[in-house]
């Protein structure tokens, strides 16, 4: 396993705007970032291993020391675009760019990336209000190699030679920082173009497991809400209210 280096990860970035931590092990990169004050425009945390990685709704994110990507970037976002969707879009574009378009990563609403219908990336967006300003903590986990096999865990270790881990991280950081500084016009159309289940029938289950809807996924609105066409109506559903089944 090739160890990450600060030089490679931050290549081409303005170091004066970044506080950077490259760790061997940590409980959670998001938790570590939360505990650090945002003194520059961006705070970046990368670790080779997490002992308590987590995903949406408090779910555990399996994080062995096996050459995967565990990273968090903390910053203030003035763009008023749903971050979980835009970050997924930027990572998908980075994977395609770094692999020379040999790999295509589709998007699953709201925050997963899939290759060959297998999950390879999860995103956890958290926020805090500090001195009346919102600071976002964006955690990213990407599966390069996992010793423990489970059906929902995708693997891209076989193609790591054409998409080196360090180069992919660098590309993702460039994309996120550029977005934070410049926005992303027409993001919605770009996201929907990469979404894997536009027009598909999905089962939508509320977080309390009490309610269930079945309908056609029509896309998302400007707030990032799912647009689901049921037999009776077109519903706008927040990612904080539900999960969807039947994609992988």
Protein backbone atom coordinates (compact mmCIF):
# COMPACT_ATOMS: atom_id res chain seq x y z
CA UNK A 1 0.00 0.00 0.00
CA UNK A 2 1.45 3.34 -1.07
CA UNK A 3 1.35 5.79 1.82
CA UNK A 4 -0.13 9.20 1.15
CA UNK A 5 2.09 12.29 1.28
CA UNK A 6 1.24 15.91 1.95
CA UNK A 7 3.15 16.94 -1.16
CA UNK A 8 1.12 14.67 -3.41
CA UNK A 9 -2.26 15.30 -1.82
CA UNK A 10 -1.94 19.09 -1.87
CA UNK A 11 -0.17 19.39 -5.22
CA UNK A 12 -1.15 22.61 -6.99
CA UNK A 13 -3.24 23.95 -4.10
CA UNK A 14 -2.66 27.21 -2.24
CA UNK A 15 -1.19 26.02 1.06
CA UNK A 16 -1.71 29.43 2.67
CA UNK A 17 -5.48 28.85 2.58
CA UNK A 18 -5.35 25.34 4.08
CA UNK A 19 -4.78 23.75 7.48
CA UNK A 20 -3.83 20.13 6.75
CA UNK A 21 -3.68 16.99 8.90
CA UNK A 22 -2.41 13.66 7.55
CA UNK A 23 -2.94 10.95 10.17
CA UNK A 24 -2.17 7.27 10.54
CA UNK A 25 -5.30 6.57 12.59
CA UNK A 26 -8.21 8.53 14.02
CA UNK A 27 -11.63 7.75 15.46
CA UNK A 28 -13.39 9.75 12.74
CA UNK A 29 -12.02 12.39 10.37
CA UNK A 30 -15.26 14.35 10.80
CA UNK A 31 -14.98 14.29 14.59
CA UNK A 32 -11.34 15.35 14.39
CA UNK A 33 -12.24 18.24 12.07
CA UNK A 34 -15.09 19.34 14.34
CA UNK A 35 -12.66 19.66 17.23
CA UNK A 36 -10.34 21.95 15.25
CA UNK A 37 -10.95 25.66 14.80
CA UNK A 38 -11.33 26.82 11.21
CA UNK A 39 -8.52 29.38 11.09
CA UNK A 40 -8.01 29.38 7.31
CA UNK A 41 -10.42 28.99 4.39
CA UNK A 42 -10.18 25.20 4.46
CA UNK A 43 -9.29 22.52 6.99
CA UNK A 44 -8.47 19.11 5.52
CA UNK A 45 -8.12 15.87 7.48
CA UNK A 46 -7.00 12.58 5.90
CA UNK A 47 -6.35 9.34 7.74
CA UNK A 48 -5.17 5.89 6.68
CA UNK A 49 -7.57 4.31 9.17
CA UNK A 50 -10.68 5.18 11.19
CA UNK A 51 -11.75 3.36 14.34
CA UNK A 52 -15.22 4.92 14.50
CA UNK A 53 -16.10 6.04 10.99
CA UNK A 54 -19.75 6.88 10.48
CA UNK A 55 -22.27 7.58 7.76
CA UNK A 56 -25.78 9.03 7.55
CA UNK A 57 -28.20 8.45 10.45
CA UNK A 58 -25.34 7.36 12.71
CA UNK A 59 -24.54 4.21 10.72
CA UNK A 60 -21.02 2.81 11.03
CA UNK A 61 -18.67 3.25 8.04
CA UNK A 62 -16.30 0.29 7.84
CA UNK A 63 -12.81 1.84 7.79
CA UNK A 64 -9.91 -0.65 7.81
CA UNK A 65 -6.25 0.18 7.23
CA UNK A 66 -6.21 -1.20 3.70
CA UNK A 67 -5.54 1.70 1.37
CA UNK A 68 -8.99 3.25 1.20
CA UNK A 69 -9.74 6.98 1.33
CA UNK A 70 -11.01 8.58 4.53
CA UNK A 71 -11.05 12.35 4.41
CA UNK A 72 -12.87 15.43 5.65
CA UNK A 73 -12.84 18.99 4.41
CA UNK A 74 -14.20 21.78 6.59
CA UNK A 75 -15.15 25.15 5.10
CA UNK A 76 -17.79 27.85 4.83
CA UNK A 77 -20.08 27.50 1.83
CA UNK A 78 -21.86 30.56 0.48
CA UNK A 79 -23.27 28.91 -2.65
CA UNK A 80 -26.65 27.74 -1.29
CA UNK A 81 -26.46 24.43 -3.15
CA UNK A 82 -27.25 21.09 -1.40
CA UNK A 83 -23.77 19.98 -0.41
CA UNK A 84 -24.29 16.22 -0.31
CA UNK A 85 -25.40 16.30 -3.94
CA UNK A 86 -22.74 18.69 -5.21
CA UNK A 87 -19.92 16.82 -3.44
CA UNK A 88 -21.07 13.54 -4.99
CA UNK A 89 -21.13 15.21 -8.40
CA UNK A 90 -17.61 16.60 -7.95
CA UNK A 91 -16.25 13.21 -6.86
CA UNK A 92 -17.92 11.49 -9.82
CA UNK A 93 -16.33 14.01 -12.18
CA UNK A 94 -12.94 13.55 -10.50
CA UNK A 95 -13.09 9.75 -10.86
CA UNK A 96 -13.89 10.10 -14.54
CA UNK A 97 -11.12 12.66 -15.07
CA UNK A 98 -8.36 10.85 -13.15
CA UNK A 99 -9.19 7.50 -14.76
CA UNK A 100 -9.09 9.01 -18.24
CA UNK A 101 -12.83 8.30 -18.63
CA UNK A 102 -12.16 4.58 -18.15
CA UNK A 103 -14.31 4.56 -15.02
CA UNK A 104 -17.79 6.00 -14.69
CA UNK A 105 -19.26 6.53 -11.23
CA UNK A 106 -23.02 6.99 -11.13
CA UNK A 107 -24.88 8.93 -8.45
CA UNK A 108 -27.51 7.57 -6.07
CA UNK A 109 -29.64 10.13 -4.27
CA UNK A 110 -28.67 11.73 -2.04
CA UNK A 111 -25.02 10.95 -1.31
CA UNK A 112 -23.68 7.66 -2.71
CA UNK A 113 -21.50 6.86 -5.72
CA UNK A 114 -21.81 3.54 -7.52
CA UNK A 115 -19.62 1.70 -10.01
CA UNK A 116 -21.28 -1.26 -11.72
CA UNK A 117 -24.18 -0.80 -9.27
CA UNK A 118 -21.88 -1.29 -6.28
CA UNK A 119 -21.38 1.41 -3.67
CA UNK A 120 -17.83 2.77 -3.71
CA UNK A 121 -18.27 6.08 -1.92
CA UNK A 122 -20.31 7.58 0.88
CA UNK A 123 -20.58 11.22 1.92
CA UNK A 124 -21.50 12.64 5.31
CA UNK A 125 -22.24 16.37 5.53
CA UNK A 126 -22.47 17.94 8.96
CA UNK A 127 -22.56 21.57 10.03
CA UNK A 128 -21.95 23.84 13.01
CA UNK A 129 -22.76 27.47 13.70
CA UNK A 130 -19.62 29.29 14.84
CA UNK A 131 -19.81 33.04 15.52
CA UNK A 132 -23.10 33.25 13.61
CA UNK A 133 -21.59 31.58 10.52
CA UNK A 134 -22.23 28.05 9.27
CA UNK A 135 -19.18 25.82 8.94
CA UNK A 136 -19.65 22.61 6.96
CA UNK A 137 -17.80 19.39 7.74
CA UNK A 138 -17.82 17.11 4.69
CA UNK A 139 -16.68 13.53 5.25
CA UNK A 140 -15.80 11.34 2.27
CA UNK A 141 -15.13 7.60 2.31
CA UNK A 142 -14.03 5.81 -0.86
CA UNK A 143 -13.48 2.05 -1.12
CA UNK A 144 -10.25 1.17 -2.88
CA UNK A 145 -9.78 -2.22 -1.24
CA UNK A 146 -11.67 -3.99 1.52
CA UNK A 147 -10.57 -7.29 3.06
CA UNK A 148 -14.07 -8.03 4.33
CA UNK A 149 -16.51 -8.73 1.50
CA UNK A 150 -20.12 -7.62 1.62
CA UNK A 151 -22.49 -7.31 -1.30
CA UNK A 152 -23.07 -3.56 -0.96
CA UNK A 153 -19.38 -2.66 -0.80
CA UNK A 154 -17.91 -1.84 -4.19
CA UNK A 155 -14.24 -2.26 -4.95
CA UNK A 156 -12.02 -0.31 -7.32
CA UNK A 157 -8.72 -1.83 -6.24
CA UNK A 158 -8.39 -3.65 -9.57
CA UNK A 159 -8.26 -0.33 -11.37
CA UNK A 160 -6.20 1.56 -8.78
CA UNK A 161 -3.21 1.48 -11.11
CA UNK A 162 -4.97 3.78 -13.55
CA UNK A 163 -6.42 5.92 -10.75
CA UNK A 164 -3.80 6.32 -7.99
CA UNK A 165 -5.29 7.12 -4.59
CA UNK A 166 -3.17 10.23 -4.05
CA UNK A 167 -4.03 11.62 -7.47
CA UNK A 168 -7.76 11.08 -6.93
CA UNK A 169 -7.69 12.82 -3.53
CA UNK A 170 -5.83 15.75 -5.07
CA UNK A 171 -8.37 16.03 -7.88
CA UNK A 172 -11.30 15.92 -5.42
CA UNK A 173 -9.75 18.64 -3.25
CA UNK A 174 -9.14 20.86 -6.28
CA UNK A 175 -12.77 20.38 -7.34
CA UNK A 176 -14.26 21.12 -3.90
CA UNK A 177 -12.10 24.19 -3.32
CA UNK A 178 -12.89 25.52 -6.79
CA UNK A 179 -16.60 24.97 -6.12
CA UNK A 180 -16.40 26.74 -2.74
CA UNK A 181 -14.73 29.74 -4.35
CA UNK A 182 -16.68 29.88 -7.62
CA UNK A 183 -19.94 27.93 -7.29
CA UNK A 184 -21.30 25.48 -9.88
CA UNK A 185 -23.73 26.94 -12.45
CA UNK A 186 -26.17 24.36 -13.86
CA UNK A 187 -25.28 21.85 -11.14
CA UNK A 188 -28.76 20.34 -11.14
CA UNK A 189 -28.66 19.28 -14.79
CA UNK A 190 -25.14 17.91 -14.31
CA UNK A 191 -26.23 15.91 -11.26
CA UNK A 192 -29.30 14.46 -12.96
CA UNK A 193 -27.20 13.45 -15.97
CA UNK A 194 -25.05 11.26 -13.71
CA UNK A 195 -27.90 9.92 -11.55
CA UNK A 196 -28.39 6.17 -12.06
CA UNK A 197 -32.07 5.96 -11.27
CA UNK A 198 -33.83 8.80 -13.09
CA UNK A 199 -37.14 7.34 -14.30
CA UNK A 200 -36.85 4.20 -12.17
CA UNK A 201 -39.48 2.91 -9.78
CA UNK A 202 -38.21 3.13 -6.19
CA UNK A 203 -39.39 2.18 -2.75
CA UNK A 204 -39.03 5.09 -0.31
CA UNK A 205 -39.06 4.29 3.41
CA UNK A 206 -39.38 6.94 6.12
CA UNK A 207 -36.68 7.09 8.77
CA UNK A 208 -39.12 5.92 11.43
CA UNK A 209 -39.93 2.87 9.26
CA UNK A 210 -43.63 3.70 9.58
CA UNK A 211 -44.36 5.04 6.10
CA UNK A 212 -43.58 3.70 2.66
CA UNK A 213 -44.06 5.15 -0.82
CA UNK A 214 -43.54 3.59 -4.23
CA UNK A 215 -43.11 5.86 -7.21
CA UNK A 216 -41.02 6.99 -10.16
CA UNK A 217 -37.89 9.02 -9.37
CA UNK A 218 -38.27 12.21 -11.41
CA UNK A 219 -35.08 13.99 -10.31
CA UNK A 220 -34.37 16.61 -7.65
CA UNK A 221 -35.37 20.20 -6.99
CA UNK A 222 -33.13 23.20 -6.25
CA UNK A 223 -33.04 22.24 -2.56
CA UNK A 224 -31.83 18.73 -3.37
CA UNK A 225 -35.14 17.11 -2.44
CA UNK A 226 -36.21 13.99 -4.29
CA UNK A 227 -39.11 14.38 -6.72
CA UNK A 228 -41.15 11.18 -6.56
CA UNK A 229 -44.17 10.64 -8.79
CA UNK A 230 -46.59 8.33 -7.02
CA UNK A 231 -49.95 7.16 -8.32
CA UNK A 232 -51.58 10.19 -6.70
CA UNK A 233 -49.12 13.09 -6.76
CA UNK A 234 -45.62 14.44 -7.27
CA UNK A 235 -43.91 14.49 -3.89
CA UNK A 236 -40.87 16.50 -2.79
CA UNK A 237 -39.03 14.50 -0.14
CA UNK A 238 -36.02 15.57 1.92
CA UNK A 239 -33.05 13.24 2.40
CA UNK A 240 -33.41 13.76 6.15
CA UNK A 241 -36.84 12.12 6.06
CA UNK A 242 -36.22 8.82 4.28
CA UNK A 243 -34.02 6.30 2.54
CA UNK A 244 -34.54 4.55 -0.78
CA UNK A 245 -34.33 0.86 -1.60
CA UNK A 246 -33.75 -1.14 -4.74
CA UNK A 247 -30.64 0.54 -6.20
CA UNK A 248 -27.97 -1.89 -4.93
